[in-house]
Protein backbone atom coordinates (compact mmCIF):
# COMPACT_ATOMS: atom_id res chain seq x y z
CA MET A 1 -23.43 -87.10 -13.02
CA THR A 2 -27.05 -88.04 -13.73
CA LEU A 3 -28.14 -84.55 -12.74
CA LEU A 4 -25.57 -83.01 -15.08
CA VAL A 5 -26.54 -85.15 -18.07
CA THR A 6 -30.28 -84.58 -17.68
CA ALA A 7 -29.82 -80.86 -16.95
CA PHE A 8 -27.81 -80.43 -20.16
CA ALA A 9 -30.47 -82.36 -22.08
CA ALA A 10 -33.16 -80.15 -20.54
CA ILE A 11 -31.30 -76.96 -21.44
CA ILE A 12 -30.66 -78.08 -25.01
CA SER A 13 -34.26 -79.18 -25.55
CA THR A 14 -35.54 -75.93 -24.02
CA VAL A 15 -33.40 -73.86 -26.38
CA LEU A 16 -34.68 -75.89 -29.34
CA TRP A 17 -38.28 -75.54 -28.13
CA TYR A 18 -37.90 -71.78 -27.62
CA LYS A 19 -36.47 -71.40 -31.10
CA HIS A 20 -39.58 -73.07 -32.60
CA ALA A 21 -42.03 -72.03 -29.83
CA PRO A 22 -44.93 -70.54 -31.77
CA LYS A 23 -45.47 -73.66 -33.89
CA ASP A 24 -44.05 -76.56 -31.85
CA GLU A 25 -44.96 -79.00 -34.64
CA MET A 26 -42.41 -81.53 -33.46
CA LYS A 27 -43.74 -81.47 -29.86
CA ILE A 28 -40.37 -80.54 -28.39
CA SER A 29 -42.23 -79.15 -25.38
CA VAL A 30 -42.97 -82.74 -24.33
CA LEU A 31 -39.25 -83.47 -24.42
CA CYS A 32 -38.54 -80.37 -22.33
CA TRP A 33 -41.02 -81.37 -19.66
CA MET A 34 -39.60 -84.89 -19.45
CA TYR A 35 -36.00 -83.69 -19.12
CA TRP A 36 -36.82 -80.95 -16.62
CA GLY A 37 -38.78 -83.51 -14.58
CA ALA A 38 -35.82 -85.89 -14.65
CA SER A 39 -33.48 -83.05 -13.65
CA LEU A 40 -35.72 -82.16 -10.73
CA MET A 41 -35.81 -85.81 -9.67
CA TRP A 42 -32.01 -86.09 -9.75
CA LEU A 43 -31.68 -82.76 -7.88
CA VAL A 44 -33.85 -84.08 -5.04
CA ASP A 45 -31.80 -87.29 -5.08
CA ALA A 46 -28.57 -85.29 -4.87
CA ILE A 47 -29.88 -83.25 -1.93
CA PHE A 48 -30.84 -86.34 0.03
CA GLU A 49 -27.58 -88.10 -0.85
CA TYR A 50 -25.61 -85.05 0.30
CA ALA A 51 -27.57 -84.98 3.56
CA GLU A 52 -26.60 -88.59 4.11
CA LEU A 53 -22.93 -88.54 3.01
CA LYS A 54 -21.89 -84.92 3.77
CA ALA A 55 -18.32 -84.30 2.50
CA GLU A 56 -17.98 -87.78 1.00
CA TYR A 57 -20.59 -86.78 -1.56
CA PHE A 58 -17.98 -84.69 -3.41
CA SER A 59 -15.45 -87.53 -3.79
CA PRO A 60 -17.24 -90.39 -5.54
CA ALA A 61 -15.42 -93.46 -6.79
CA PRO A 62 -14.70 -93.52 -10.54
CA ALA A 63 -16.88 -96.62 -10.93
CA ASP A 64 -19.80 -94.79 -9.29
CA MET A 65 -19.31 -91.83 -11.60
CA LEU A 66 -19.31 -94.10 -14.64
CA ASN A 67 -22.47 -95.86 -13.46
CA ASP A 68 -24.15 -92.48 -12.91
CA LEU A 69 -23.10 -91.36 -16.38
CA PHE A 70 -24.62 -94.47 -17.94
CA LEU A 71 -27.78 -93.98 -15.90
CA GLY A 72 -28.07 -90.35 -17.03
CA LEU A 73 -27.51 -91.28 -20.67
CA SER A 74 -30.08 -94.05 -20.34
CA ALA A 75 -32.61 -91.57 -18.95
CA VAL A 76 -31.96 -89.21 -21.86
CA ALA A 77 -32.26 -92.07 -24.37
CA LEU A 78 -35.51 -93.26 -22.79
CA GLY A 79 -36.87 -89.71 -22.99
CA LEU A 80 -36.00 -89.59 -26.69
CA VAL A 81 -37.70 -92.94 -27.31
CA ILE A 82 -40.88 -91.79 -25.54
CA TRP A 83 -40.80 -88.52 -27.50
CA LEU A 84 -40.40 -90.40 -30.79
CA VAL A 85 -43.35 -92.67 -29.98
CA ILE A 86 -45.50 -89.62 -29.16
CA LEU A 87 -44.32 -87.96 -32.36
CA LEU A 88 -45.17 -91.00 -34.47
CA ILE A 89 -48.60 -91.36 -32.87
CA ARG A 90 -49.55 -87.70 -33.28
CA ASP A 91 -47.89 -87.47 -36.71
CA PRO A 92 -47.93 -83.66 -37.00
CA LYS A 93 -46.67 -83.56 -40.59
CA GLY A 94 -48.71 -86.52 -41.81
CA VAL A 95 -45.66 -88.54 -42.85
CA VAL A 96 -46.75 -91.82 -41.26
CA LYS A 97 -50.28 -91.48 -42.62
CA SER A 98 -49.04 -90.83 -46.15
CA ALA A 99 -46.61 -93.76 -45.95
CA PHE A 100 -49.44 -96.15 -45.09
CA SER A 101 -51.87 -94.72 -47.65
CA LYS A 102 -49.43 -94.99 -50.61
CA LYS A 103 -50.00 -97.92 -52.91
């Protein structure tokens, strides 16, 4: 479930990045790299878990699926928080700078 959630987030962020690729003012490429990295991590985890469990891998308990869903959503939320911090620090449109310089 974690792999599915992060893979969907990676696909969505990649489509958004590709749509705005020449400019990339909002630094969506950073978000893409984070989500694709998380997807790769969960893919490796799934491969090793399958090697350990074999056929049992395809019949998880509902509680395990729910925990994996929450973990995947938490990874996506953490990626968004990191992206927002990077966006606020770099301030590509100068919004934060103008908010502090107004009197």
